[in-house]
PDB file of N, CA and C in Angstrom:
ATOM      1  N   UNK A   1     117.623  30.199 119.163  1.00  0.00           N
ATOM      2  CA  UNK A   1     117.758  30.801 118.046  1.00  0.00           C
ATOM      3  C   UNK A   1     118.177  32.210 117.533  1.00  0.00           C
ATOM      4  N   UNK A   2     117.119  32.997 118.011  1.00  0.00           N
ATOM      5  CA  UNK A   2     117.798  34.270 117.446  1.00  0.00           C
ATOM      6  C   UNK A   2     118.638  34.807 118.499  1.00  0.00           C
ATOM      7  N   UNK A   3     118.496  34.057 119.799  1.00  0.00           N
ATOM      8  CA  UNK A   3     119.810  34.841 120.591  1.00  0.00           C
ATOM      9  C   UNK A   3     121.090  34.607 119.749  1.00  0.00           C
ATOM     10  N   UNK A   4     121.144  33.247 119.426  1.00  0.00           N
ATOM     11  CA  UNK A   4     122.468  32.310 119.136  1.00  0.00           C
ATOM     12  C   UNK A   4     122.957  33.436 117.640  1.00  0.00           C
ATOM     13  N   UNK A   5     122.271  33.577 116.936  1.00  0.00           N
ATOM     14  CA  UNK A   5     122.209  34.775 115.492  1.00  0.00           C
ATOM     15  C   UNK A   5     122.802  36.282 115.810  1.00  0.00           C
ATOM     16  N   UNK A   6     121.999  37.015 117.103  1.00  0.00           N
ATOM     17  CA  UNK A   6     122.592  37.953 117.148  1.00  0.00           C
ATOM     18  C   UNK A   6     124.293  37.931 118.032  1.00  0.00           C
ATOM     19  N   UNK A   7     124.209  36.819 118.474  1.00  0.00           N
ATOM     20  CA  UNK A   7     125.760  36.642 119.439  1.00  0.00           C
ATOM     21  C   UNK A   7     126.924  36.365 118.522  1.00  0.00           C
ATOM     22  N   UNK A   8     126.465  35.618 116.924  1.00  0.00           N
ATOM     23  CA  UNK A   8     127.276  35.105 116.089  1.00  0.00           C
ATOM     24  C   UNK A   8     127.527  36.747 115.192  1.00  0.00           C
ATOM     25  N   UNK A   9     126.462  37.409 115.110  1.00  0.00           N
ATOM     26  CA  UNK A   9     126.620  38.554 113.962  1.00  0.00           C
ATOM     27  C   UNK A   9     127.483  39.342 114.955  1.00  0.00           C
ATOM     28  N   UNK A  10     127.502  39.933 116.199  1.00  0.00           N
ATOM     29  CA  UNK A  10     128.301  40.342 117.183  1.00  0.00           C
ATOM     30  C   UNK A  10     129.442  40.797 117.341  1.00  0.00           C
ATOM     31  N   UNK A  11     129.678  38.842 116.981  1.00  0.00           N
ATOM     32  CA  UNK A  11     131.273  38.672 117.855  1.00  0.00           C
ATOM     33  C   UNK A  11     132.441  38.413 116.641  1.00  0.00           C
ATOM     34  N   UNK A  12     131.283  38.457 115.192  1.00  0.00           N
ATOM     35  CA  UNK A  12     132.268  39.044 113.973  1.00  0.00           C
ATOM     36  C   UNK A  12     132.551  40.186 113.728  1.00  0.00           C
ATOM     37  N   UNK A  13     132.195  40.991 114.409  1.00  0.00           N
ATOM     38  CA  UNK A  13     132.569  42.465 114.277  1.00  0.00           C
ATOM     39  C   UNK A  13     133.008  43.461 115.357  1.00  0.00           C
ATOM     40  N   UNK A  14     132.974  42.732 116.444  1.00  0.00           N
ATOM     41  CA  UNK A  14     134.148  43.093 117.458  1.00  0.00           C
ATOM     42  C   UNK A  14     135.642  42.829 117.906  1.00  0.00           C
ATOM     43  N   UNK A  15     136.478  43.190 118.451  1.00  0.00           N
ATOM     44  CA  UNK A  15     137.479  42.457 118.680  1.00  0.00           C
ATOM     45  C   UNK A  15     137.525  41.734 119.862  1.00  0.00           C
ATOM     46  N   UNK A  16     136.813  42.603 120.974  1.00  0.00           N
ATOM     47  CA  UNK A  16     136.694  42.038 122.358  1.00  0.00           C
ATOM     48  C   UNK A  16     135.713  40.592 122.357  1.00  0.00           C
ATOM     49  N   UNK A  17     135.666  39.405 121.909  1.00  0.00           N
ATOM     50  CA  UNK A  17     134.798  39.057 121.636  1.00  0.00           C
ATOM     51  C   UNK A  17     134.332  38.125 123.372  1.00  0.00           C
ATOM     52  N   UNK A  18     134.991  38.163 124.095  1.00  0.00           N
ATOM     53  CA  UNK A  18     134.848  37.547 125.452  1.00  0.00           C
ATOM     54  C   UNK A  18     133.873  39.057 126.273  1.00  0.00           C
ATOM     55  N   UNK A  19     133.746  39.694 125.644  1.00  0.00           N
ATOM     56  CA  UNK A  19     132.637  40.798 126.198  1.00  0.00           C
ATOM     57  C   UNK A  19     131.043  41.058 125.481  1.00  0.00           C
ATOM     58  N   UNK A  20     130.722  39.898 124.780  1.00  0.00           N
ATOM     59  CA  UNK A  20     129.631  40.166 123.848  1.00  0.00           C
ATOM     60  C   UNK A  20     128.501  39.027 124.750  1.00  0.00           C
ATOM     61  N   UNK A  21     127.885  39.497 125.036  1.00  0.00           N
ATOM     62  CA  UNK A  21     126.676  39.272 125.925  1.00  0.00           C
ATOM     63  C   UNK A  21     125.384  39.660 125.241  1.00  0.00           C
ATOM     64  N   UNK A  22     124.194  38.629 125.394  1.00  0.00           N
ATOM     65  CA  UNK A  22     122.810  38.917 125.254  1.00  0.00           C
ATOM     66  C   UNK A  22     122.041  38.617 125.847  1.00  0.00           C
ATOM     67  N   UNK A  23     121.202  39.562 126.517  1.00  0.00           N
ATOM     68  CA  UNK A  23     119.883  39.374 127.599  1.00  0.00           C
ATOM     69  C   UNK A  23     118.332  39.452 126.266  1.00  0.00           C
ATOM     70  N   UNK A  24     117.665  38.546 127.209  1.00  0.00           N
ATOM     71  CA  UNK A  24     116.700  38.613 126.501  1.00  0.00           C
ATOM     72  C   UNK A  24     115.545  38.593 127.578  1.00  0.00           C
ATOM     73  N   UNK A  25     114.867  39.440 127.271  1.00  0.00           N
ATOM     74  CA  UNK A  25     113.550  40.301 128.482  1.00  0.00           C
ATOM     75  C   UNK A  25     112.173  39.180 127.923  1.00  0.00           C
ATOM     76  N   UNK A  26     111.606  38.905 128.729  1.00  0.00           N
ATOM     77  CA  UNK A  26     109.985  38.297 128.624  1.00  0.00           C
ATOM     78  C   UNK A  26     109.304  39.163 127.571  1.00  0.00           C
ATOM     79  N   UNK A  27     108.237  38.513 126.621  1.00  0.00           N
ATOM     80  CA  UNK A  27     107.289  39.541 125.661  1.00  0.00           C
ATOM     81  C   UNK A  27     106.686  40.349 126.252  1.00  0.00           C
ATOM     82  N   UNK A  28     106.771  41.283 125.983  1.00  0.00           N
ATOM     83  CA  UNK A  28     105.620  42.861 126.956  1.00  0.00           C
ATOM     84  C   UNK A  28     103.805  42.575 126.355  1.00  0.00           C
ATOM     85  N   UNK A  29     103.292  43.529 126.757  1.00  0.00           N
ATOM     86  CA  UNK A  29     102.132  43.284 126.569  1.00  0.00           C
ATOM     87  C   UNK A  29     101.657  43.360 124.696  1.00  0.00           C
ATOM     88  N   UNK A  30     102.317  43.717 124.121  1.00  0.00           N
ATOM     89  CA  UNK A  30     102.381  43.601 122.712  1.00  0.00           C
ATOM     90  C   UNK A  30     102.839  42.460 122.247  1.00  0.00           C
ATOM     91  N   UNK A  31     103.704  41.369 123.194  1.00  0.00           N
ATOM     92  CA  UNK A  31     103.832  40.088 122.440  1.00  0.00           C
ATOM     93  C   UNK A  31     105.827  40.468 122.214  1.00  0.00           C
ATOM     94  N   UNK A  32     106.375  41.946 122.228  1.00  0.00           N
ATOM     95  CA  UNK A  32     107.380  41.635 121.598  1.00  0.00           C
ATOM     96  C   UNK A  32     108.507  41.517 122.297  1.00  0.00           C
ATOM     97  N   UNK A  33     109.552  40.683 121.986  1.00  0.00           N
ATOM     98  CA  UNK A  33     110.610  40.379 122.487  1.00  0.00           C
ATOM     99  C   UNK A  33     111.708  41.270 122.709  1.00  0.00           C
ATOM    100  N   UNK A  34     112.088  41.729 123.644  1.00  0.00           N
ATOM    101  CA  UNK A  34     113.664  42.894 123.540  1.00  0.00           C
ATOM    102  C   UNK A  34     114.675  41.944 124.080  1.00  0.00           C
ATOM    103  N   UNK A  35     115.714  42.017 122.767  1.00  0.00           N
ATOM    104  CA  UNK A  35     116.819  41.296 122.754  1.00  0.00           C
ATOM    105  C   UNK A  35     117.700  42.591 123.400  1.00  0.00           C
ATOM    106  N   UNK A  36     118.980  42.149 124.471  1.00  0.00           N
ATOM    107  CA  UNK A  36     119.825  43.370 124.478  1.00  0.00           C
ATOM    108  C   UNK A  36     121.288  42.863 124.245  1.00  0.00           C
ATOM    109  N   UNK A  37     121.931  43.564 123.219  1.00  0.00           N
ATOM    110  CA  UNK A  37     123.199  43.377 122.798  1.00  0.00           C
ATOM    111  C   UNK A  37     124.519  44.374 123.797  1.00  0.00           C
ATOM    112  N   UNK A  38     124.763  43.034 124.587  1.00  0.00           N
ATOM    113  CA  UNK A  38     126.261  43.949 125.340  1.00  0.00           C
ATOM    114  C   UNK A  38     127.300  43.862 124.842  1.00  0.00           C
ATOM    115  N   UNK A  39     128.238  44.958 124.546  1.00  0.00           N
ATOM    116  CA  UNK A  39     129.464  44.918 123.907  1.00  0.00           C
ATOM    117  C   UNK A  39     130.543  45.832 124.449  1.00  0.00           C
ATOM    118  N   UNK A  40     131.658  45.738 124.555  1.00  0.00           N
ATOM    119  CA  UNK A  40     132.744  45.955 125.202  1.00  0.00           C
ATOM    120  C   UNK A  40     132.107  47.420 125.236  1.00  0.00           C
ATOM    121  N   UNK A  41     133.075  48.844 125.676  1.00  0.00           N
ATOM    122  CA  UNK A  41     133.064  49.805 125.335  1.00  0.00           C
ATOM    123  C   UNK A  41     133.694  50.350 124.204  1.00  0.00           C
ATOM    124  N   UNK A  42     134.848  50.024 124.107  1.00  0.00           N
ATOM    125  CA  UNK A  42     135.871  50.165 122.795  1.00  0.00           C
ATOM    126  C   UNK A  42     135.001  49.796 121.631  1.00  0.00           C
ATOM    127  N   UNK A  43     134.270  48.782 121.238  1.00  0.00           N
ATOM    128  CA  UNK A  43     133.656  47.531 120.170  1.00  0.00           C
ATOM    129  C   UNK A  43     132.592  48.210 120.110  1.00  0.00           C
ATOM    130  N   UNK A  44     132.170  49.595 120.907  1.00  0.00           N
ATOM    131  CA  UNK A  44     130.383  49.851 120.555  1.00  0.00           C
ATOM    132  C   UNK A  44     130.597  50.740 119.579  1.00  0.00           C
ATOM    133  N   UNK A  45     131.655  51.659 118.991  1.00  0.00           N
ATOM    134  CA  UNK A  45     131.114  52.118 117.265  1.00  0.00           C
ATOM    135  C   UNK A  45     131.497  50.712 116.530  1.00  0.00           C
ATOM    136  N   UNK A  46     132.163  50.111 116.756  1.00  0.00           N
ATOM    137  CA  UNK A  46     131.980  48.972 115.453  1.00  0.00           C
ATOM    138  C   UNK A  46     131.160  48.269 115.621  1.00  0.00           C
ATOM    139  N   UNK A  47     130.063  48.647 116.248  1.00  0.00           N
ATOM    140  CA  UNK A  47     128.678  47.743 116.091  1.00  0.00           C
ATOM    141  C   UNK A  47     127.695  48.527 116.072  1.00  0.00           C
ATOM    142  N   UNK A  48     128.075  49.743 115.862  1.00  0.00           N
ATOM    143  CA  UNK A  48     126.825  50.891 115.621  1.00  0.00           C
ATOM    144  C   UNK A  48     127.113  51.325 114.295  1.00  0.00           C
ATOM    145  N   UNK A  49     128.686  51.546 113.879  1.00  0.00           N
ATOM    146  CA  UNK A  49     128.759  51.719 112.579  1.00  0.00           C
ATOM    147  C   UNK A  49     128.289  53.529 111.925  1.00  0.00           C
ATOM    148  N   UNK A  50     128.973  54.024 111.430  1.00  0.00           N
ATOM    149  CA  UNK A  50     128.749  54.967 110.580  1.00  0.00           C
ATOM    150  C   UNK A  50     127.065  55.470 110.634  1.00  0.00           C
ATOM    151  N   UNK A  51     126.781  56.443 110.911  1.00  0.00           N
ATOM    152  CA  UNK A  51     125.085  56.671 111.275  1.00  0.00           C
ATOM    153  C   UNK A  51     124.264  55.537 111.245  1.00  0.00           C
ATOM    154  N   UNK A  52     124.891  54.700 112.250  1.00  0.00           N
ATOM    155  CA  UNK A  52     123.367  53.837 112.659  1.00  0.00           C
ATOM    156  C   UNK A  52     123.811  52.370 111.720  1.00  0.00           C
ATOM    157  N   UNK A  53     124.432  52.703 110.510  1.00  0.00           N
ATOM    158  CA  UNK A  53     124.232  51.740 109.752  1.00  0.00           C
ATOM    159  C   UNK A  53     123.877  50.544 109.802  1.00  0.00           C
ATOM    160  N   UNK A  54     125.259  50.263 110.761  1.00  0.00           N
ATOM    161  CA  UNK A  54     125.826  48.571 110.865  1.00  0.00           C
ATOM    162  C   UNK A  54     124.574  48.040 111.937  1.00  0.00           C
ATOM    163  N   UNK A  55     124.072  49.051 113.014  1.00  0.00           N
ATOM    164  CA  UNK A  55     122.639  48.620 113.951  1.00  0.00           C
ATOM    165  C   UNK A  55     121.950  48.594 112.883  1.00  0.00           C
ATOM    166  N   UNK A  56     121.425  49.085 111.930  1.00  0.00           N
ATOM    167  CA  UNK A  56     120.407  49.076 111.413  1.00  0.00           C
ATOM    168  C   UNK A  56     120.052  47.841 110.945  1.00  0.00           C
ATOM    169  N   UNK A  57     121.368  47.456 110.306  1.00  0.00           N
ATOM    170  CA  UNK A  57     121.426  46.482 109.590  1.00  0.00           C
ATOM    171  C   UNK A  57     121.195  44.928 110.559  1.00  0.00           C
ATOM    172  N   UNK A  58     121.891  45.260 111.590  1.00  0.00           N
ATOM    173  CA  UNK A  58     121.118  43.711 112.240  1.00  0.00           C
ATOM    174  C   UNK A  58     120.352  43.943 112.744  1.00  0.00           C
ATOM    175  N   UNK A  59     119.492  45.291 113.070  1.00  0.00           N
ATOM    176  CA  UNK A  59     118.111  44.717 113.218  1.00  0.00           C
ATOM    177  C   UNK A  59     117.414  43.964 112.296  1.00  0.00           C
ATOM    178  N   UNK A  60     117.831  44.755 110.852  1.00  0.00           N
ATOM    179  CA  UNK A  60     116.780  44.278 109.925  1.00  0.00           C
ATOM    180  C   UNK A  60     117.174  42.800 109.903  1.00  0.00           C
ATOM    181  N   UNK A  61     118.672  42.176 109.974  1.00  0.00           N
ATOM    182  CA  UNK A  61     118.522  40.665 109.634  1.00  0.00           C
ATOM    183  C   UNK A  61     117.961  39.697 110.682  1.00  0.00           C
ATOM    184  N   UNK A  62     117.664  40.864 112.188  1.00  0.00           N
ATOM    185  CA  UNK A  62     117.000  40.059 113.167  1.00  0.00           C
ATOM    186  C   UNK A  62     115.786  39.649 113.100  1.00  0.00           C
ATOM    187  N   UNK A  63     115.160  41.246 112.717  1.00  0.00           N
ATOM    188  CA  UNK A  63     113.932  40.907 112.250  1.00  0.00           C
ATOM    189  C   UNK A  63     113.145  39.802 111.286  1.00  0.00           C
ATOM    190  N   UNK A  64     114.323  39.871 110.117  1.00  0.00           N
ATOM    191  CA  UNK A  64     113.699  38.970 109.122  1.00  0.00           C
ATOM    192  C   UNK A  64     113.954  37.157 109.787  1.00  0.00           C
ATOM    193  N   UNK A  65     114.880  37.416 110.871  1.00  0.00           N
ATOM    194  CA  UNK A  65     114.638  35.877 111.839  1.00  0.00           C
ATOM    195  C   UNK A  65     113.360  35.568 112.459  1.00  0.00           C
ATOM    196  N   UNK A  66     113.217  36.413 113.064  1.00  0.00           N
ATOM    197  CA  UNK A  66     112.222  36.897 114.072  1.00  0.00           C
ATOM    198  C   UNK A  66     110.788  36.417 113.604  1.00  0.00           C
ATOM    199  N   UNK A  67     110.539  36.768 111.652  1.00  0.00           N
ATOM    200  CA  UNK A  67     109.504  36.500 111.124  1.00  0.00           C
ATOM    201  C   UNK A  67     109.265  35.171 110.802  1.00  0.00           C
ATOM    202  N   UNK A  68     110.273  34.215 110.819  1.00  0.00           N
ATOM    203  CA  UNK A  68     110.356  32.946 110.459  1.00  0.00           C
ATOM    204  C   UNK A  68     110.605  32.333 111.369  1.00  0.00           C
ATOM    205  N   UNK A  69     110.402  32.884 112.735  1.00  0.00           N
ATOM    206  CA  UNK A  69     110.097  31.789 113.895  1.00  0.00           C
ATOM    207  C   UNK A  69     108.719  32.463 114.260  1.00  0.00           C
ATOM    208  N   UNK A  70     108.007  33.490 113.715  1.00  0.00           N
ATOM    209  CA  UNK A  70     106.863  33.885 114.111  1.00  0.00           C
ATOM    210  C   UNK A  70     106.498  34.430 115.121  1.00  0.00           C
ATOM    211  N   UNK A  71     108.026  35.334 115.541  1.00  0.00           N
ATOM    212  CA  UNK A  71     108.013  36.427 116.838  1.00  0.00           C
ATOM    213  C   UNK A  71     107.895  37.496 116.443  1.00  0.00           C
ATOM    214  N   UNK A  72     107.554  38.632 117.326  1.00  0.00           N
ATOM    215  CA  UNK A  72     107.933  40.477 117.446  1.00  0.00           C
ATOM    216  C   UNK A  72     109.312  40.175 118.112  1.00  0.00           C
ATOM    217  N   UNK A  73     109.852  40.846 117.635  1.00  0.00           N
ATOM    218  CA  UNK A  73     111.292  41.201 118.905  1.00  0.00           C
ATOM    219  C   UNK A  73     112.084  42.885 117.814  1.00  0.00           C
ATOM    220  N   UNK A  74     112.608  43.073 118.904  1.00  0.00           N
ATOM    221  CA  UNK A  74     113.401  44.409 119.232  1.00  0.00           C
ATOM    222  C   UNK A  74     114.924  44.687 119.810  1.00  0.00           C
ATOM    223  N   UNK A  75     115.650  45.021 118.974  1.00  0.00           N
ATOM    224  CA  UNK A  75     116.974  44.726 119.577  1.00  0.00           C
ATOM    225  C   UNK A  75     117.017  45.845 120.188  1.00  0.00           C
ATOM    226  N   UNK A  76     117.940  45.977 121.314  1.00  0.00           N
ATOM    227  CA  UNK A  76     118.925  47.394 121.526  1.00  0.00           C
ATOM    228  C   UNK A  76     120.269  46.941 122.172  1.00  0.00           C
ATOM    229  N   UNK A  77     121.045  47.855 121.545  1.00  0.00           N
ATOM    230  CA  UNK A  77     122.421  47.610 121.964  1.00  0.00           C
ATOM    231  C   UNK A  77     122.630  48.388 123.023  1.00  0.00           C
ATOM    232  N   UNK A  78     123.526  47.988 124.022  1.00  0.00           N
ATOM    233  CA  UNK A  78     123.563  48.703 125.144  1.00  0.00           C
ATOM    234  C   UNK A  78     125.285  48.955 125.668  1.00  0.00           C
TER     235      UNK A  78
END
């Protein structure tokens, strides 16, 4: 569910929608699951935003979704 949410958010922001992918790591010792968002090099600025505001917003929305699913997550943009 959270993976699909992250893909939906990212594809709405980028031009090259085929380059969007998400990989999910297994939960670490603290129970935190890391989601790695991969976008094309040309779209990296669109996903990060000025002073990282869009990236921060993406992380906030994902964290809110994780709370509803009773998970601990972290989003990394690669």
